[in-house]
Amino acid sequence: MRHVNLRLLVLATVLAVAALGSTTGPVAAYGRADHPLAQIELSGNCNNVDFPLCFPPASGGVGLGGIWLWIEIDANGTGDVAGAGCGHIRGVGGGADPIRGDITWTGSVGPQGLPFFVTDPNNLYYNVAIPGQPFVLALPQTVGHYAFRPAPGVTIQLEVAP
């Protein structure tokens, strides 16, 4: 009985190592050719009709909905973005649109764009221009997790990873 359990343990270990090896290839290859500096993941939701940021754009807000972005920051001032933005009108409906493409960025001390409600503790920012958008996002350079929750139904989560 003990001999059978040892064989199962060896088999399970071999399979686990093989599975690990087969799944790490693409992850290890991430961005190698373009020398990535950081990955930034951003999730924002504005779903509180009483909060001014969630007011319709005609009233100075961004409207109801959300955004999700993954941004790769490359060493040469370029990068990639993938994600989606969605919006809705209560009682009417809504929809989502993809966000994909190449970005450009500059670094700065102090934000030189929309600071997206999070502050870098070292005051260093990636100022990211996303194609088709009329603004530049100022995103922290310091690795870490950032959160902004000014009201129920309104939240921004941002992760900066190497």
Protein backbone atom coordinates (compact mmCIF):
# COMPACT_ATOMS: atom_id res chain seq x y z
CA MET A 1 0.00 0.00 0.00
CA ARG A 2 2.78 2.41 0.89
CA HIS A 3 4.56 1.63 -2.40
CA VAL A 4 1.43 2.61 -4.41
CA ASN A 5 1.13 5.93 -2.58
CA LEU A 6 4.77 6.74 -3.34
CA ARG A 7 4.18 6.07 -7.05
CA LEU A 8 1.10 8.30 -7.01
CA LEU A 9 3.07 11.03 -5.27
CA VAL A 10 5.89 10.81 -7.85
CA LEU A 11 3.37 10.82 -10.72
CA ALA A 12 1.51 13.80 -9.26
CA THR A 13 4.77 15.71 -8.82
CA VAL A 14 5.87 15.00 -12.40
CA LEU A 15 2.48 16.12 -13.75
CA ALA A 16 2.53 19.28 -11.63
CA VAL A 17 6.03 20.21 -12.83
CA ALA A 18 5.03 19.50 -16.46
CA ALA A 19 1.90 21.63 -16.10
CA LEU A 20 3.88 24.46 -14.55
CA GLY A 21 6.42 24.34 -17.35
CA SER A 22 3.74 24.41 -20.02
CA THR A 23 1.98 27.46 -18.52
CA THR A 24 4.95 29.69 -17.76
CA GLY A 25 6.23 30.06 -21.33
CA PRO A 26 4.01 32.92 -22.51
CA VAL A 27 4.11 34.68 -19.15
CA ALA A 28 7.90 34.60 -19.03
CA ALA A 29 7.98 35.99 -22.56
CA TYR A 30 5.79 39.00 -21.71
CA GLY A 31 7.19 42.12 -23.28
CA ARG A 32 10.79 40.95 -23.44
CA ALA A 33 11.51 42.54 -26.85
CA ASP A 34 10.21 46.00 -25.94
CA HIS A 35 11.81 46.24 -22.46
CA PRO A 36 8.76 46.78 -20.23
CA LEU A 37 9.13 48.96 -17.15
CA ALA A 38 5.72 48.34 -15.61
CA GLN A 39 2.25 46.91 -15.96
CA ILE A 40 -0.64 49.01 -14.73
CA GLU A 41 -4.10 47.61 -14.11
CA LEU A 42 -6.91 50.08 -13.55
CA SER A 43 -10.54 49.48 -12.69
CA GLY A 44 -12.96 52.33 -12.15
CA ASN A 45 -16.70 52.32 -11.45
CA CYS A 46 -19.08 55.23 -11.13
CA ASN A 47 -22.54 53.95 -10.21
CA ASN A 48 -23.94 56.49 -7.76
CA VAL A 49 -26.43 58.90 -9.36
CA ASP A 50 -26.07 61.28 -6.41
CA PHE A 51 -22.28 61.65 -6.69
CA PRO A 52 -21.13 64.56 -8.92
CA LEU A 53 -18.46 62.51 -10.74
CA CYS A 54 -21.22 60.14 -11.92
CA PHE A 55 -23.45 62.94 -13.25
CA PRO A 56 -24.00 62.86 -17.02
CA PRO A 57 -21.15 64.41 -19.07
CA ALA A 58 -23.41 67.35 -20.02
CA SER A 59 -23.56 68.13 -16.28
CA GLY A 60 -19.79 67.91 -15.76
CA GLY A 61 -19.46 64.23 -14.76
CA VAL A 62 -18.33 61.08 -16.51
CA GLY A 63 -21.71 59.38 -16.42
CA LEU A 64 -22.66 56.00 -14.98
CA GLY A 65 -20.50 53.02 -15.87
CA GLY A 66 -16.93 51.90 -15.61
CA ILE A 67 -13.58 51.29 -17.19
CA TRP A 68 -11.02 48.50 -17.03
CA LEU A 69 -7.51 48.93 -18.46
CA TRP A 70 -4.28 46.98 -18.62
CA ILE A 71 -1.36 49.15 -19.68
CA GLU A 72 2.18 48.02 -20.45
CA ILE A 73 4.76 50.78 -20.05
CA ASP A 74 7.83 50.18 -22.27
CA ALA A 75 11.26 51.79 -21.83
CA ASN A 76 11.13 53.67 -25.15
CA GLY A 77 8.16 55.94 -24.29
CA THR A 78 5.58 53.64 -25.89
CA GLY A 79 3.42 50.78 -24.67
CA ASP A 80 0.20 48.85 -25.11
CA VAL A 81 -3.30 49.17 -23.72
CA ALA A 82 -6.18 46.70 -23.61
CA GLY A 83 -9.47 47.00 -21.80
CA ALA A 84 -13.05 48.13 -22.03
CA GLY A 85 -15.25 51.02 -21.09
CA CYS A 86 -18.95 50.74 -20.38
CA GLY A 87 -21.73 53.16 -19.74
CA HIS A 88 -25.39 53.00 -18.92
CA ILE A 89 -28.43 55.15 -18.35
CA ARG A 90 -30.78 54.02 -15.58
CA GLY A 91 -33.96 52.58 -16.97
CA VAL A 92 -32.68 52.71 -20.56
CA GLY A 93 -29.69 50.37 -20.85
CA GLY A 94 -26.11 50.63 -21.90
CA GLY A 95 -23.19 48.93 -23.51
CA ALA A 96 -19.45 48.45 -23.59
CA ASP A 97 -16.70 49.24 -26.07
CA PRO A 98 -13.22 47.75 -26.31
CA ILE A 99 -10.10 49.82 -25.74
CA ARG A 100 -7.00 48.48 -27.54
CA GLY A 101 -3.92 49.92 -29.08
CA ASP A 102 -0.57 51.55 -28.62
CA ILE A 103 0.10 54.29 -26.11
CA THR A 104 2.79 56.89 -25.66
CA TRP A 105 3.95 58.16 -22.30
CA THR A 106 6.31 60.59 -20.63
CA GLY A 107 7.60 60.53 -17.07
CA SER A 108 7.37 63.47 -14.71
CA VAL A 109 7.74 64.71 -11.18
CA GLY A 110 4.18 65.70 -10.37
CA PRO A 111 1.23 64.73 -12.58
CA GLN A 112 1.03 66.29 -16.04
CA GLY A 113 -2.39 64.91 -16.87
CA LEU A 114 -5.61 63.78 -15.24
CA PRO A 115 -4.32 62.31 -11.94
CA PHE A 116 -7.10 59.70 -11.83
CA PHE A 117 -7.67 60.41 -8.14
CA VAL A 118 -4.62 58.53 -6.85
CA THR A 119 -1.37 60.08 -5.66
CA ASP A 120 2.09 58.59 -6.07
CA PRO A 121 3.88 58.67 -2.68
CA ASN A 122 7.11 59.69 -4.46
CA ASN A 123 5.34 62.21 -6.75
CA LEU A 124 6.53 60.31 -9.89
CA TYR A 125 4.07 59.74 -12.74
CA TYR A 126 3.65 58.03 -16.08
CA ASN A 127 1.65 60.50 -18.20
CA VAL A 128 -0.12 58.16 -20.62
CA ALA A 129 -1.79 59.25 -23.87
CA ILE A 130 -4.39 56.69 -24.96
CA PRO A 131 -5.31 56.93 -28.67
CA GLY A 132 -8.73 58.40 -29.32
CA GLN A 133 -9.00 59.98 -25.86
CA PRO A 134 -8.89 63.75 -25.38
CA PHE A 135 -6.87 63.56 -22.17
CA VAL A 136 -3.63 62.24 -20.70
CA LEU A 137 -3.78 59.98 -17.64
CA ALA A 138 -1.24 60.66 -14.88
CA LEU A 139 -0.59 57.24 -13.30
CA PRO A 140 1.79 56.50 -10.39
CA GLN A 141 5.24 55.08 -11.13
CA THR A 142 5.75 53.69 -7.62
CA VAL A 143 4.92 49.97 -7.48
CA GLY A 144 1.91 49.23 -5.31
CA HIS A 145 -1.86 49.14 -4.91
CA TYR A 146 -3.88 52.35 -4.91
CA ALA A 147 -7.57 52.78 -4.09
CA PHE A 148 -10.01 55.68 -4.13
CA ARG A 149 -13.52 55.24 -2.70
CA PRO A 150 -15.16 58.64 -2.21
CA ALA A 151 -18.75 57.37 -2.00
CA PRO A 152 -20.83 54.20 -2.17
CA GLY A 153 -20.86 52.89 -5.75
CA VAL A 154 -17.77 54.89 -6.72
CA THR A 155 -14.38 53.20 -6.67
CA ILE A 156 -11.04 53.25 -8.44
CA GLN A 157 -8.54 50.43 -7.98
CA LEU A 158 -5.10 50.72 -9.52
CA GLU A 159 -2.15 48.32 -9.38
CA VAL A 160 1.36 49.17 -10.56
CA ALA A 161 3.55 46.11 -10.98
CA PRO A 162 7.09 45.66 -12.31
